[in-house]
Amino acid sequence: MLWLVLLAAASEDLPAKLRHLESVASAEAPASSPDGARIAFVTTLFGTRQVATMAADGSYPIQLTDEPGGVLGVRYAPNDPKMLIAIALRGDKRRLLFVDEEGTPAAEIDPAPGDQLPGGFTRDGKKFFYAVVDGAKISLRQLPLDTRKPVEVTAPPPAAGPVQAPVGSLPLAESLAGLWALGPPTPDGRSVVAAVRRGGIEGLVLVDVATARGGILAPLEGRFRSPRFSPDGRTLYVLTDAGRKTMGVDAITMLGRARKTVYAPPSDLEAYAVSEDGHRLAVAAEQEGETIFSLLELSSLRAQPLAAPPGGALAPVAIGEAPLIWTRAGDRLLFGWRLSDDTTDVWALRMGYGTPSRLTRSPRPSLPRDSIPRPKKVSVGWLWMPAAETNTRPRVAVLISPVELRPVFDKRIAALNFAGLAVLAVNGPGAQKAALEYIRAAPDLDAKKPVLLDLDGGSVEQPAAWSAVVKHVDADHPDLQALLKEVGALR
C-alpha cells in the first residue's frame, strides 16, 4: 500500500508543479546590433513569444513587441542599432514589422496581403529585400530604408530599350515557383538568392534585380539551407546534402557556378556561420542527440580553440533565420541553447576565452534542476522516466514526432513525468510499431494502456493498442492540464 500513499502525495503536489511549469520561459533566436553593444532575441518571458533586447554583457530585457500571435525572429538593420525588423505571426501569415527601442508601436513594412518572407539587407544597409506570397502569386520586393516605401521588382518596360538577360534565365514568376525561403542579396544588391522546393527536392535560384529574371544557381538535388555570401560576394556558402548522405557546408563560386565541398563530417551539420572577415568557419554538428561546436580556419580547415557549453542542443529557429551567428566584430558566437534540465537561453562563445557565457536566464520558479527528469538513450529513441518513488513500473506515453526529439527540457514531457508517466520519444518510419515492441519487452515499464502523443498528425496504426491518442500539443504554450486529462492522469 506504500506506493498508493506515495502516488496520492504526488497527485496532491501535481497542480503546483503544473503551475510552476507554466511559468517557465525561454530565450532564443539572438541577433547582434551592428555595434555589438546590444542583442535582440525572441522570448516567452512576457507570455507569448515576443522580441526583447538587452545589453550584450547582460541587463534586464526590454520588451519591444506585443503581438497576439507571437514573433518568430528578429534582425538588426546593419547601420542603425535602434532599427530592427521582426517576423510576426498575424493569423496564419508571417508579417514583417519595423521595431525600435524607443517604444514606438510596431508597424508593418508593407501593407500587401500574404505571407512575407524576409530576404536580407544589402551590405551597405540601405536596402532590405523580401518576398510576398499571396496564394499562387509571388512578388519580390526591395525596401529602401531611407524612404521606407516598398518597391516591387519587375521587368523593365519595353521603352527602356533592350536589356541583356542572363543566359538560361526565366521570368520572375517561373524562377520563383516553389519559393519557401528567400536568401540574402548579393553584397551589391544586384541579385537575390531564393530557395525553392519542387517535387520534394530543393535548389537555389539567383534573381537578377535589374531584369527581374532568375536562373538556377544550385540544381534541384537534396536539401539547401542557410545560403550566406562571403564578404567579397564572390562565393556563396550553403548547408546541403546534395551528392552525399550528410549535411555539410559547400561553396558555390558565383563566377562559373562551380560547387565544392568545404566541410562535410560523417555526422549531419545543423548550422554553420562564416565570420564577417571571411576567415573563420563555425559549425554545429549533431552527435547522439546533442550539438557539438567546432571552429575552423576557413582557408586551411585547421581546428581553432573554442569553449564548449554544457551538454545540450541548438534551439530551432524560424525558416530562413540563422541558429548560429557571429557578431560583426567576430569576437563572439551567439545562439539559443537548450539543456536537458534547465531553460532554453541565449549563450555566447567568446573568442580567446575559456568559458562560455549564458547571456539570459529565463525564469524557472520553484523547479530546481534536480526535479526535472533527464532522458536516457534507448534503442528506439529517448526515454524520460518519472521519479522512482511515484511508481515502480510507470505507464508510458509514446511521443511520435516528425523530427527526432532532442534530449532537452520539454514542458509536455516534464508534466507527464510529474504525473507518473514515462515518456518514450520515437520518430521515423514504423515509429509506433517500434515503440510498442520496446514497451512490451522493457521490464521497468508498464506495457498496459500506453498513450500515443502523435505530433506528426499521421494515422494510428494499431488503434486498439492505445488507451488514448493525443494530437497537436503546442510545444511553447501547451495546456498541461488538458494534456494530462486526455491521457487519464488528471481528473
Protein backbone atom coordinates (compact mmCIF):
# COMPACT_ATOMS: atom_id res chain seq x y z
CA MET A 1 0.00 0.00 0.00
CA LEU A 2 3.02 2.28 0.34
CA TRP A 3 3.09 3.08 -3.37
CA LEU A 4 -0.57 4.18 -3.20
CA VAL A 5 0.28 6.62 -0.43
CA LEU A 6 3.23 7.98 -2.42
CA LEU A 7 1.10 8.26 -5.56
CA ALA A 8 -1.59 10.17 -3.66
CA ALA A 9 1.02 12.57 -2.29
CA ALA A 10 2.45 13.06 -5.77
CA SER A 11 -1.02 13.76 -7.21
CA GLU A 12 -1.68 16.37 -4.50
CA ASP A 13 1.56 18.13 -5.47
CA LEU A 14 0.86 17.86 -9.20
CA PRO A 15 -1.25 21.06 -9.64
CA ALA A 16 1.52 23.11 -8.05
CA LYS A 17 4.14 21.54 -10.33
CA LEU A 18 1.99 22.23 -13.38
CA ARG A 19 1.66 25.85 -12.32
CA HIS A 20 5.43 26.09 -11.96
CA LEU A 21 5.92 24.53 -15.40
CA GLU A 22 3.59 27.06 -17.00
CA SER A 23 5.79 29.84 -15.58
CA VAL A 24 8.97 28.52 -17.21
CA ALA A 25 10.14 30.84 -20.01
CA SER A 26 12.74 30.67 -22.77
CA ALA A 27 15.00 32.95 -24.83
CA GLU A 28 16.39 32.09 -28.26
CA ALA A 29 17.00 33.28 -31.84
CA PRO A 30 19.50 36.04 -30.97
CA ALA A 31 20.62 38.91 -33.20
CA SER A 32 23.53 41.25 -32.57
CA SER A 33 23.35 45.02 -33.04
CA PRO A 34 25.80 46.40 -35.63
CA ASP A 35 27.94 47.97 -32.92
CA GLY A 36 27.85 44.80 -30.80
CA ALA A 37 26.55 46.69 -27.78
CA ARG A 38 23.11 45.01 -27.63
CA ILE A 39 21.42 41.78 -28.54
CA ALA A 40 17.83 41.17 -29.57
CA PHE A 41 16.12 37.83 -29.14
CA VAL A 42 12.76 36.07 -29.00
CA THR A 43 11.50 35.23 -25.52
CA THR A 44 8.42 33.88 -23.77
CA LEU A 45 9.27 35.85 -20.64
CA PHE A 46 6.27 38.13 -21.27
CA GLY A 47 3.81 35.34 -22.17
CA THR A 48 3.69 34.69 -25.92
CA ARG A 49 6.90 34.81 -27.97
CA GLN A 50 7.97 38.46 -28.22
CA VAL A 51 11.08 40.45 -29.15
CA ALA A 52 13.24 41.76 -26.34
CA THR A 53 16.64 43.47 -26.24
CA MET A 54 19.32 43.90 -23.62
CA ALA A 55 22.95 44.93 -23.27
CA ALA A 56 25.34 42.42 -24.81
CA ASP A 57 27.01 41.83 -21.44
CA GLY A 58 23.70 41.38 -19.65
CA SER A 59 20.86 43.55 -18.30
CA TYR A 60 17.13 43.29 -17.74
CA PRO A 61 15.34 42.52 -21.05
CA ILE A 62 13.24 45.29 -22.59
CA GLN A 63 10.09 44.05 -24.36
CA LEU A 64 9.72 45.58 -27.83
CA THR A 65 6.70 43.80 -29.31
CA ASP A 66 3.26 42.80 -28.09
CA GLU A 67 1.97 40.60 -30.89
CA PRO A 68 -1.04 38.39 -30.05
CA GLY A 69 0.19 35.71 -32.46
CA GLY A 70 3.79 35.92 -31.28
CA VAL A 71 7.07 36.62 -33.07
CA LEU A 72 9.28 34.16 -34.97
CA GLY A 73 12.52 36.10 -35.39
CA VAL A 74 14.25 39.47 -35.41
CA ARG A 75 17.10 41.19 -37.26
CA TYR A 76 19.02 44.42 -36.76
CA ALA A 77 19.48 46.88 -39.61
CA PRO A 78 23.22 46.93 -40.46
CA ASN A 79 23.69 50.69 -39.99
CA ASP A 80 21.22 51.55 -37.24
CA PRO A 81 21.48 49.89 -33.82
CA LYS A 82 17.98 51.10 -32.95
CA MET A 83 16.14 49.77 -36.02
CA LEU A 84 15.00 46.14 -36.13
CA ILE A 85 12.78 44.07 -38.40
CA ALA A 86 10.70 41.40 -36.67
CA ILE A 87 8.90 38.44 -38.21
CA ALA A 88 5.47 38.26 -36.57
CA LEU A 89 2.58 35.84 -36.95
CA ARG A 90 -0.70 37.57 -37.67
CA GLY A 91 -3.34 34.96 -38.29
CA ASP A 92 -1.53 32.25 -40.21
CA LYS A 93 0.67 34.70 -42.13
CA ARG A 94 4.18 35.94 -41.46
CA ARG A 95 4.31 39.72 -41.47
CA LEU A 96 7.43 41.89 -41.36
CA LEU A 97 7.40 44.71 -38.82
CA PHE A 98 9.54 47.74 -38.09
CA VAL A 99 10.53 47.74 -34.41
CA ASP A 100 12.68 50.15 -32.41
CA GLU A 101 13.87 50.53 -28.83
CA GLU A 102 12.07 53.83 -28.27
CA GLY A 103 8.73 52.20 -27.55
CA THR A 104 7.17 53.12 -30.91
CA PRO A 105 4.35 50.72 -31.85
CA ALA A 106 5.45 48.05 -34.32
CA ALA A 107 4.44 48.90 -37.91
CA GLU A 108 4.17 46.62 -40.92
CA ILE A 109 6.79 47.38 -43.54
CA ASP A 110 4.34 46.60 -46.33
CA PRO A 111 0.51 46.51 -46.28
CA ALA A 112 0.41 43.99 -49.17
CA PRO A 113 -1.61 40.91 -48.17
CA GLY A 114 0.02 37.49 -48.00
CA ASP A 115 2.92 35.71 -46.38
CA GLN A 116 6.01 37.94 -46.13
CA LEU A 117 9.39 36.18 -46.28
CA PRO A 118 12.50 38.11 -45.19
CA GLY A 119 15.48 38.03 -47.51
CA GLY A 120 18.10 40.32 -46.06
CA PHE A 121 19.90 43.64 -46.10
CA THR A 122 22.45 44.79 -48.63
CA ARG A 123 25.94 45.16 -47.17
CA ASP A 124 25.69 48.96 -47.11
CA GLY A 125 22.46 48.67 -45.12
CA LYS A 126 20.48 50.86 -47.48
CA LYS A 127 18.01 48.26 -48.79
CA PHE A 128 16.09 45.30 -47.45
CA PHE A 129 14.80 42.54 -49.74
CA TYR A 130 11.78 40.36 -49.04
CA ALA A 131 9.10 38.36 -50.85
CA VAL A 132 5.32 38.39 -50.57
CA VAL A 133 3.49 35.13 -51.27
CA ASP A 134 -0.26 35.53 -51.72
CA GLY A 135 -1.75 32.28 -52.96
CA ALA A 136 -0.14 31.43 -56.29
CA LYS A 137 1.23 34.96 -56.70
CA ILE A 138 4.83 35.63 -55.65
CA SER A 139 6.22 39.16 -55.53
CA LEU A 140 9.87 40.08 -54.90
CA ARG A 141 10.31 43.48 -53.27
CA GLN A 142 13.01 45.83 -52.07
CA LEU A 143 12.67 48.41 -49.33
CA PRO A 144 14.93 51.49 -49.36
CA LEU A 145 15.39 52.23 -45.67
CA ASP A 146 15.64 55.97 -46.18
CA THR A 147 12.14 56.25 -47.66
CA ARG A 148 10.59 53.04 -46.26
CA LYS A 149 8.49 52.77 -49.41
CA PRO A 150 8.35 49.23 -50.85
CA VAL A 151 9.34 48.82 -54.50
CA GLU A 152 8.31 45.70 -56.42
CA VAL A 153 10.96 44.07 -58.58
CA THR A 154 9.51 43.99 -62.10
CA ALA A 155 10.83 43.60 -65.63
CA PRO A 156 11.89 46.91 -67.23
CA PRO A 157 9.36 48.40 -69.68
CA PRO A 158 10.00 47.93 -73.41
CA ALA A 159 10.59 51.67 -73.73
CA ALA A 160 13.71 51.27 -71.61
CA GLY A 161 15.39 49.53 -74.53
CA PRO A 162 16.86 46.02 -74.79
CA VAL A 163 18.18 44.52 -71.56
CA GLN A 164 20.74 41.74 -71.59
CA ALA A 165 19.07 38.85 -69.73
CA PRO A 166 21.31 36.24 -68.10
CA VAL A 167 21.74 33.10 -70.22
CA GLY A 168 19.26 30.39 -69.26
CA SER A 169 17.19 32.72 -67.08
CA LEU A 170 13.43 32.64 -66.71
CA PRO A 171 10.84 35.31 -65.88
CA LEU A 172 10.47 36.03 -62.18
CA ALA A 173 7.21 34.12 -61.69
CA GLU A 174 8.67 30.96 -63.20
CA SER A 175 12.04 31.15 -61.47
CA LEU A 176 10.44 31.65 -58.03
CA ALA A 177 7.92 28.81 -58.38
CA GLY A 178 8.03 26.73 -55.21
CA LEU A 179 9.64 29.53 -53.16
CA TRP A 180 9.87 28.58 -49.48
CA ALA A 181 12.64 30.87 -48.22
CA LEU A 182 14.36 33.96 -49.53
CA GLY A 183 18.11 34.00 -49.13
CA PRO A 184 20.37 37.04 -48.87
CA PRO A 185 21.01 39.60 -51.60
CA THR A 186 24.48 39.86 -53.05
CA PRO A 187 26.54 42.47 -51.17
CA ASP A 188 26.00 44.98 -54.00
CA GLY A 189 22.23 44.37 -54.02
CA ARG A 190 22.08 43.49 -57.71
CA SER A 191 20.85 39.92 -57.18
CA VAL A 192 18.97 37.91 -54.58
CA VAL A 193 19.20 34.21 -53.71
CA ALA A 194 15.95 32.27 -53.37
CA ALA A 195 15.40 28.74 -52.05
CA VAL A 196 12.79 26.78 -54.00
CA ARG A 197 11.26 23.36 -53.47
CA ARG A 198 9.77 21.41 -56.35
CA GLY A 199 8.72 17.79 -56.30
CA GLY A 200 10.01 17.37 -52.75
CA ILE A 201 13.59 18.40 -53.56
CA GLU A 202 15.29 21.74 -53.15
CA GLY A 203 17.50 24.07 -55.13
CA LEU A 204 18.75 27.65 -55.24
CA VAL A 205 17.81 30.35 -57.72
CA LEU A 206 19.64 33.63 -58.33
CA VAL A 207 17.34 36.51 -59.31
CA ASP A 208 18.74 39.48 -61.21
CA VAL A 209 17.01 42.59 -59.83
CA ALA A 210 17.51 44.75 -62.94
CA THR A 211 15.93 42.27 -65.36
CA ALA A 212 13.54 40.51 -62.92
CA ARG A 213 14.71 37.15 -64.20
CA GLY A 214 16.17 34.20 -62.36
CA GLY A 215 18.42 31.27 -63.13
CA ILE A 216 19.40 28.07 -61.37
CA LEU A 217 22.32 28.59 -59.00
CA ALA A 218 22.27 25.13 -57.45
CA PRO A 219 20.22 22.38 -59.15
CA LEU A 220 17.27 20.65 -57.54
CA GLU A 221 19.09 17.93 -55.63
CA GLY A 222 18.75 17.17 -51.94
CA ARG A 223 18.39 19.97 -49.40
CA PHE A 224 19.80 23.51 -49.48
CA ARG A 225 19.70 25.65 -46.35
CA SER A 226 21.19 28.86 -44.93
CA PRO A 227 22.82 30.46 -48.00
CA ARG A 228 25.35 33.11 -46.97
CA PHE A 229 27.69 35.25 -49.09
CA SER A 230 31.39 35.75 -48.45
CA PRO A 231 32.37 39.36 -47.64
CA ASP A 232 33.51 39.99 -51.24
CA GLY A 233 30.36 38.43 -52.72
CA ARG A 234 32.34 36.05 -54.93
CA THR A 235 31.34 32.92 -53.02
CA LEU A 236 28.03 31.65 -51.69
CA TYR A 237 28.19 29.22 -48.79
CA VAL A 238 25.31 26.84 -48.23
CA LEU A 239 24.35 23.95 -45.95
CA THR A 240 23.44 21.00 -48.17
CA ASP A 241 23.41 17.22 -48.54
CA ALA A 242 23.44 17.30 -52.37
CA GLY A 243 25.61 14.46 -53.62
CA ARG A 244 26.20 12.90 -50.18
CA LYS A 245 24.37 11.40 -47.21
CA THR A 246 25.01 14.10 -44.61
CA MET A 247 24.53 17.85 -44.38
CA GLY A 248 27.75 19.80 -44.88
CA VAL A 249 28.99 23.21 -45.98
CA ASP A 250 29.54 23.75 -49.71
CA ALA A 251 30.87 26.80 -51.52
CA ILE A 252 29.45 27.98 -54.84
CA THR A 253 31.64 30.25 -56.94
CA MET A 254 29.44 32.98 -58.34
CA LEU A 255 31.55 33.22 -61.49
CA GLY A 256 31.07 29.88 -63.20
CA ARG A 257 28.64 28.37 -60.64
CA ALA A 258 31.14 25.67 -59.60
CA ARG A 259 30.25 23.99 -56.30
CA LYS A 260 32.73 22.28 -54.00
CA THR A 261 32.61 20.79 -50.52
CA VAL A 262 34.15 22.94 -47.81
CA TYR A 263 33.42 20.81 -44.75
CA ALA A 264 31.27 17.68 -44.51
CA PRO A 265 31.89 15.45 -41.46
CA PRO A 266 30.35 11.96 -41.08
CA SER A 267 27.51 13.36 -38.92
CA ASP A 268 24.97 15.97 -40.02
CA LEU A 269 25.79 19.62 -39.56
CA GLU A 270 22.88 21.55 -38.02
CA ALA A 271 24.23 25.02 -38.62
CA TYR A 272 27.28 27.00 -39.68
CA ALA A 273 28.44 30.60 -39.63
CA VAL A 274 31.21 32.40 -41.52
CA SER A 275 32.80 35.34 -39.70
CA GLU A 276 32.39 38.83 -41.14
CA ASP A 277 36.03 38.90 -42.27
CA GLY A 278 35.59 35.56 -44.06
CA HIS A 279 38.45 33.89 -42.17
CA ARG A 280 36.69 31.59 -39.71
CA LEU A 281 34.03 28.91 -40.04
CA ALA A 282 31.99 27.83 -37.03
CA VAL A 283 29.99 24.60 -37.39
CA ALA A 284 27.47 22.80 -35.19
CA ALA A 285 27.16 19.02 -35.64
CA GLU A 286 24.54 16.66 -34.20
CA GLN A 287 26.04 13.83 -32.17
CA GLU A 288 23.96 11.42 -30.07
CA GLY A 289 21.20 13.99 -29.81
CA GLU A 290 23.47 16.80 -28.63
CA THR A 291 25.14 19.63 -30.55
CA ILE A 292 28.93 19.78 -30.79
CA PHE A 293 30.64 23.00 -31.92
CA SER A 294 33.86 23.32 -33.88
CA LEU A 295 35.81 26.36 -35.04
CA LEU A 296 37.91 26.13 -38.20
CA GLU A 297 40.24 28.42 -40.08
CA LEU A 298 38.36 28.68 -43.36
CA SER A 299 41.36 28.63 -45.71
CA SER A 300 43.01 25.53 -44.23
CA LEU A 301 40.18 23.97 -42.15
CA ARG A 302 42.65 23.82 -39.27
CA ALA A 303 40.84 23.48 -35.94
CA GLN A 304 40.87 26.50 -33.63
CA PRO A 305 40.31 26.51 -29.84
CA LEU A 306 36.70 27.07 -28.83
CA ALA A 307 34.96 26.85 -25.48
CA ALA A 308 32.19 24.28 -25.15
CA PRO A 309 28.83 24.99 -23.48
CA PRO A 310 27.32 22.36 -21.14
CA GLY A 311 25.76 19.40 -22.93
CA GLY A 312 22.67 20.42 -24.88
CA ALA A 313 21.37 21.26 -28.34
CA LEU A 314 20.86 24.30 -30.54
CA ALA A 315 17.43 25.89 -30.27
CA PRO A 316 15.50 25.76 -33.56
CA VAL A 317 14.76 28.99 -35.41
CA ALA A 318 12.16 30.07 -37.95
CA ILE A 319 12.59 29.20 -41.63
CA GLY A 320 15.24 31.40 -43.19
CA GLU A 321 16.73 32.51 -39.86
CA ALA A 322 20.22 31.61 -38.62
CA PRO A 323 20.56 29.48 -35.45
CA LEU A 324 24.25 30.40 -35.11
CA ILE A 325 25.58 33.91 -35.74
CA TRP A 326 28.79 35.90 -35.42
CA THR A 327 28.90 39.38 -34.03
CA ARG A 328 30.14 41.89 -36.60
CA ALA A 329 33.46 42.26 -34.76
CA GLY A 330 33.94 38.48 -34.88
CA ASP A 331 34.61 38.27 -31.14
CA ARG A 332 31.60 36.12 -30.22
CA LEU A 333 29.25 33.43 -31.49
CA LEU A 334 25.62 33.78 -30.38
CA PHE A 335 22.98 31.04 -30.30
CA GLY A 336 19.96 29.72 -28.44
CA TRP A 337 20.86 26.72 -26.26
CA ARG A 338 18.59 24.00 -24.87
CA LEU A 339 19.56 21.96 -21.82
CA SER A 340 18.12 18.69 -20.58
CA ASP A 341 17.24 20.01 -17.12
CA ASP A 342 17.09 23.78 -17.49
CA THR A 343 15.60 26.58 -19.56
CA THR A 344 16.43 27.48 -23.17
CA ASP A 345 18.53 30.64 -23.18
CA VAL A 346 20.85 32.77 -25.30
CA TRP A 347 24.50 31.83 -24.94
CA ALA A 348 27.76 33.23 -26.33
CA LEU A 349 31.12 31.70 -27.08
CA ARG A 350 33.73 34.42 -26.83
CA MET A 351 36.90 34.05 -28.87
CA GLY A 352 40.04 33.79 -26.79
CA TYR A 353 38.21 32.93 -23.56
CA GLY A 354 37.98 29.51 -21.99
CA THR A 355 34.38 29.53 -20.78
CA PRO A 356 31.01 30.02 -22.47
CA SER A 357 28.66 32.80 -21.33
CA ARG A 358 24.96 32.43 -20.57
CA LEU A 359 23.57 35.82 -21.55
CA THR A 360 19.95 35.33 -20.49
CA ARG A 361 18.49 33.45 -17.54
CA SER A 362 14.86 32.65 -18.17
CA PRO A 363 12.73 32.04 -15.07
CA ARG A 364 12.24 28.55 -13.70
CA PRO A 365 10.42 29.31 -10.42
CA SER A 366 10.10 26.58 -7.78
CA LEU A 367 11.58 23.96 -10.10
CA PRO A 368 15.11 23.02 -9.03
CA ARG A 369 17.17 21.40 -11.74
CA ASP A 370 17.27 18.07 -9.93
CA SER A 371 13.46 17.92 -10.04
CA ILE A 372 13.45 17.77 -13.85
CA PRO A 373 13.97 14.19 -15.12
CA ARG A 374 16.82 13.76 -17.61
CA PRO A 375 16.44 11.34 -20.54
CA LYS A 376 18.47 8.30 -21.41
CA LYS A 377 19.21 6.92 -24.85
CA VAL A 378 17.43 3.66 -25.69
CA SER A 379 17.42 1.53 -28.81
CA VAL A 380 14.37 3.22 -30.38
CA GLY A 381 14.82 6.82 -29.22
CA TRP A 382 14.88 8.67 -25.89
CA LEU A 383 13.23 7.69 -22.60
CA TRP A 384 12.27 10.06 -19.76
CA MET A 385 11.45 8.20 -16.55
CA PRO A 386 9.42 9.76 -13.71
CA ALA A 387 10.78 9.99 -10.18
CA ALA A 388 11.32 6.48 -8.84
CA GLU A 389 9.04 6.90 -5.86
CA THR A 390 5.91 7.59 -7.95
CA ASN A 391 5.60 4.10 -9.40
CA THR A 392 7.93 1.16 -9.89
CA ARG A 393 6.58 0.35 -13.37
CA PRO A 394 5.01 3.50 -14.83
CA ARG A 395 2.57 3.78 -17.68
CA VAL A 396 4.11 5.04 -20.89
CA ALA A 397 3.30 7.97 -23.14
CA VAL A 398 4.80 7.49 -26.59
CA LEU A 399 5.72 10.78 -28.26
CA ILE A 400 5.83 10.50 -32.06
CA SER A 401 7.40 13.49 -33.79
CA PRO A 402 8.06 14.28 -37.48
CA VAL A 403 11.65 15.11 -36.49
CA GLU A 404 13.86 13.47 -33.90
CA LEU A 405 13.23 14.95 -30.47
CA ARG A 406 16.41 16.02 -28.74
CA PRO A 407 17.28 15.11 -25.12
CA VAL A 408 16.31 18.56 -23.83
CA PHE A 409 13.80 20.06 -21.41
CA ASP A 410 10.23 19.99 -22.71
CA LYS A 411 7.21 21.17 -20.70
CA ARG A 412 4.98 18.43 -22.11
CA ILE A 413 7.41 15.69 -21.14
CA ALA A 414 8.04 17.16 -17.69
CA ALA A 415 4.29 17.36 -16.99
CA LEU A 416 3.82 13.71 -17.93
CA ASN A 417 6.78 12.71 -15.76
CA PHE A 418 5.39 14.68 -12.81
CA ALA A 419 2.10 12.80 -13.29
CA GLY A 420 3.97 9.50 -13.01
CA LEU A 421 4.17 8.56 -16.70
CA ALA A 422 7.33 7.60 -18.55
CA VAL A 423 7.78 9.29 -21.94
CA LEU A 424 9.29 7.44 -24.89
CA ALA A 425 10.17 9.67 -27.86
CA VAL A 426 10.42 7.90 -31.23
CA ASN A 427 10.44 9.15 -34.80
CA GLY A 428 10.90 7.83 -38.31
CA PRO A 429 9.15 5.09 -40.34
CA GLY A 430 7.49 2.42 -38.23
CA ALA A 431 7.83 4.50 -35.06
CA GLN A 432 4.55 3.35 -33.50
CA LYS A 433 5.30 -0.34 -34.01
CA ALA A 434 8.87 0.04 -32.72
CA ALA A 435 7.64 1.85 -29.61
CA LEU A 436 5.07 -0.81 -28.76
CA GLU A 437 7.62 -3.59 -29.17
CA TYR A 438 10.08 -1.78 -26.93
CA ILE A 439 7.48 -1.19 -24.19
CA ARG A 440 6.38 -4.84 -24.17
CA ALA A 441 9.98 -6.00 -23.79
CA ALA A 442 11.02 -3.43 -21.16
CA PRO A 443 10.97 -4.84 -17.61
CA ASP A 444 10.78 -1.40 -15.97
CA LEU A 445 7.72 -0.16 -17.92
CA ASP A 446 4.03 -0.99 -17.67
CA ALA A 447 3.01 -2.37 -21.06
CA LYS A 448 -0.70 -1.89 -20.32
CA LYS A 449 -2.63 1.15 -21.53
CA PRO A 450 0.13 3.13 -23.28
CA VAL A 451 -0.78 6.59 -24.56
CA LEU A 452 0.05 7.90 -28.04
CA LEU A 453 1.04 11.54 -28.48
CA ASP A 454 1.20 11.84 -32.25
CA LEU A 455 2.66 15.23 -33.12
CA ASP A 456 3.10 14.09 -36.72
CA GLY A 457 -0.67 14.04 -37.24
CA GLY A 458 -0.46 10.73 -39.07
CA SER A 459 -2.78 7.74 -38.93
CA VAL A 460 -2.90 5.47 -35.89
CA GLU A 461 -1.59 2.09 -36.99
CA GLN A 462 -2.94 -0.07 -34.14
CA PRO A 463 -5.84 1.83 -32.50
CA ALA A 464 -6.64 -0.98 -30.06
CA ALA A 465 -3.10 -0.84 -28.62
CA TRP A 466 -3.52 2.66 -27.23
CA SER A 467 -5.63 3.77 -24.29
CA ALA A 468 -5.69 7.35 -25.61
CA VAL A 469 -4.47 9.26 -28.65
CA VAL A 470 -3.49 12.94 -28.30
CA LYS A 471 -2.52 15.13 -31.25
CA HIS A 472 -1.14 18.60 -31.84
CA VAL A 473 0.13 19.61 -28.40
CA ASP A 474 1.72 23.05 -28.64
CA ALA A 475 5.38 22.93 -27.57
CA ASP A 476 5.71 26.56 -26.47
CA HIS A 477 2.45 27.01 -24.56
CA PRO A 478 0.90 23.59 -24.00
CA ASP A 479 -2.28 23.27 -22.00
CA LEU A 480 -0.74 20.92 -19.47
CA GLN A 481 -3.91 20.21 -17.53
CA ALA A 482 -5.81 19.36 -20.73
CA LEU A 483 -2.94 17.10 -21.81
CA LEU A 484 -2.97 15.16 -18.54
CA LYS A 485 -6.74 14.84 -18.63
CA GLU A 486 -6.60 13.38 -22.12
CA VAL A 487 -4.07 10.75 -21.09
CA GLY A 488 -6.10 9.93 -17.97
CA ALA A 489 -3.55 11.22 -15.46
CA LEU A 490 -5.63 14.09 -14.07
CA ARG A 491 -9.27 14.24 -13.11
